[in-house]
């Protein structure tokens, strides 16, 4: 509820034309973002910290794959996350979709330090 309220207030106050996600933590937060149907959405599926700690709850993987990635214009996973989310229910796994974004020059350039 807190994230939904914050997002609603920000969208009321500013003319948002594009959005980029970061760590979304759980399925409820992912669904809040997906519900807003941003026309230009960059999804950075932050799943694992550089220390190796998991940042994405197990219940969030299915929501990420089914609800948020299909809305993404660009997906920018870290190289270390390419073994990330897997969907057992789909012949085209979420991992394949996330890691295929690694091949995009846009995805690679978005990870550079500016």
Protein backbone atom coordinates (compact mmCIF):
# COMPACT_ATOMS: atom_id res chain seq x y z
CA UNK A 1 0.00 0.00 0.00
CA UNK A 2 2.84 2.37 0.80
CA UNK A 3 4.57 1.89 -2.56
CA UNK A 4 1.26 2.20 -4.44
CA UNK A 5 0.48 5.46 -2.63
CA UNK A 6 3.92 6.88 -3.29
CA UNK A 7 3.76 5.97 -6.97
CA UNK A 8 0.26 7.40 -7.32
CA UNK A 9 1.30 10.69 -5.69
CA UNK A 10 4.40 11.00 -7.89
CA UNK A 11 2.38 10.34 -11.05
CA UNK A 12 -0.21 12.94 -10.01
CA UNK A 13 2.47 15.55 -9.32
CA UNK A 14 4.74 15.03 -12.34
CA UNK A 15 4.22 14.34 -16.05
CA UNK A 16 6.01 10.97 -16.12
CA UNK A 17 6.82 9.86 -19.65
CA UNK A 18 9.12 6.96 -18.81
CA UNK A 19 10.06 4.87 -15.79
CA UNK A 20 12.92 2.64 -14.71
CA UNK A 21 12.66 0.04 -12.00
CA UNK A 22 15.29 -1.04 -9.54
CA UNK A 23 14.96 -3.51 -6.69
CA UNK A 24 11.26 -4.32 -6.36
CA UNK A 25 11.64 -6.98 -3.62
CA UNK A 26 8.32 -8.84 -3.80
CA UNK A 27 5.38 -9.76 -6.03
CA UNK A 28 3.05 -7.14 -4.54
CA UNK A 29 5.41 -4.30 -5.44
CA UNK A 30 5.99 -5.72 -8.93
CA UNK A 31 2.22 -5.85 -9.48
CA UNK A 32 1.83 -2.21 -8.38
CA UNK A 33 4.40 -1.12 -10.98
CA UNK A 34 2.91 -3.35 -13.69
CA UNK A 35 -0.59 -2.03 -13.03
CA UNK A 36 0.51 1.47 -14.08
CA UNK A 37 1.29 0.26 -17.63
CA UNK A 38 4.11 2.71 -18.37
CA UNK A 39 4.52 3.18 -22.11
CA UNK A 40 8.28 3.44 -21.77
CA UNK A 41 9.50 1.11 -19.06
CA UNK A 42 13.07 0.05 -18.37
CA UNK A 43 13.25 -2.96 -16.06
CA UNK A 44 16.43 -3.48 -14.09
CA UNK A 45 15.67 -6.81 -12.43
CA UNK A 46 17.83 -6.36 -9.34
CA UNK A 47 17.77 -9.88 -7.94
CA UNK A 48 21.10 -10.42 -6.21
CA UNK A 49 23.38 -8.02 -4.33
CA UNK A 50 27.07 -7.87 -5.18
CA UNK A 51 27.62 -9.71 -1.87
CA UNK A 52 25.51 -12.58 -3.20
CA UNK A 53 22.49 -11.90 -0.97
CA UNK A 54 19.15 -12.43 -2.69
CA UNK A 55 17.20 -9.19 -3.03
CA UNK A 56 14.16 -10.55 -4.85
CA UNK A 57 11.76 -12.71 -2.85
CA UNK A 58 11.10 -16.15 -4.34
CA UNK A 59 7.42 -15.27 -4.85
CA UNK A 60 8.44 -12.29 -6.95
CA UNK A 61 10.14 -14.25 -9.72
CA UNK A 62 6.89 -15.37 -11.34
CA UNK A 63 5.43 -11.86 -11.13
CA UNK A 64 8.58 -10.38 -12.65
CA UNK A 65 8.48 -12.83 -15.55
CA UNK A 66 4.74 -12.83 -16.19
CA UNK A 67 3.69 -9.30 -15.34
CA UNK A 68 6.59 -6.87 -15.61
CA UNK A 69 9.03 -8.13 -18.24
CA UNK A 70 6.36 -8.24 -20.98
CA UNK A 71 5.81 -4.50 -20.42
CA UNK A 72 9.49 -3.59 -20.64
CA UNK A 73 10.90 -1.62 -23.51
CA UNK A 74 14.41 -2.46 -22.27
CA UNK A 75 15.65 -4.97 -19.68
CA UNK A 76 19.04 -4.30 -18.06
CA UNK A 77 20.15 -7.26 -15.93
CA UNK A 78 23.63 -7.47 -14.45
CA UNK A 79 25.88 -10.16 -15.90
CA UNK A 80 25.89 -11.91 -12.52
CA UNK A 81 22.09 -12.19 -12.67
CA UNK A 82 21.97 -13.99 -15.98
CA UNK A 83 21.31 -17.27 -14.23
CA UNK A 84 18.44 -15.44 -12.52
CA UNK A 85 14.73 -16.11 -12.60
CA UNK A 86 13.49 -19.27 -14.22
CA UNK A 87 9.94 -20.12 -15.13
CA UNK A 88 9.21 -23.84 -15.13
CA UNK A 89 5.84 -23.22 -16.77
CA UNK A 90 7.09 -21.60 -19.93
CA UNK A 91 9.13 -23.03 -22.80
CA UNK A 92 10.69 -19.58 -23.14
CA UNK A 93 12.14 -19.19 -19.71
CA UNK A 94 12.29 -15.90 -17.93
CA UNK A 95 16.05 -16.45 -17.67
CA UNK A 96 16.28 -16.57 -21.44
CA UNK A 97 14.32 -13.33 -21.76
CA UNK A 98 16.39 -11.58 -19.10
CA UNK A 99 19.73 -12.77 -20.43
CA UNK A 100 18.86 -12.10 -24.06
CA UNK A 101 18.68 -8.44 -23.07
CA UNK A 102 22.40 -8.71 -22.30
CA UNK A 103 23.01 -8.83 -26.05
CA UNK A 104 21.41 -5.45 -26.60
CA UNK A 105 23.80 -2.50 -26.98
CA UNK A 106 21.22 -0.40 -25.09
CA UNK A 107 21.30 -2.78 -22.14
CA UNK A 108 25.09 -2.88 -22.11
CA UNK A 109 25.48 0.88 -22.39
CA UNK A 110 22.98 1.51 -19.61
CA UNK A 111 25.23 -0.34 -17.17
CA UNK A 112 28.23 1.91 -17.75
CA UNK A 113 29.23 4.29 -15.03
CA UNK A 114 28.44 7.83 -16.12
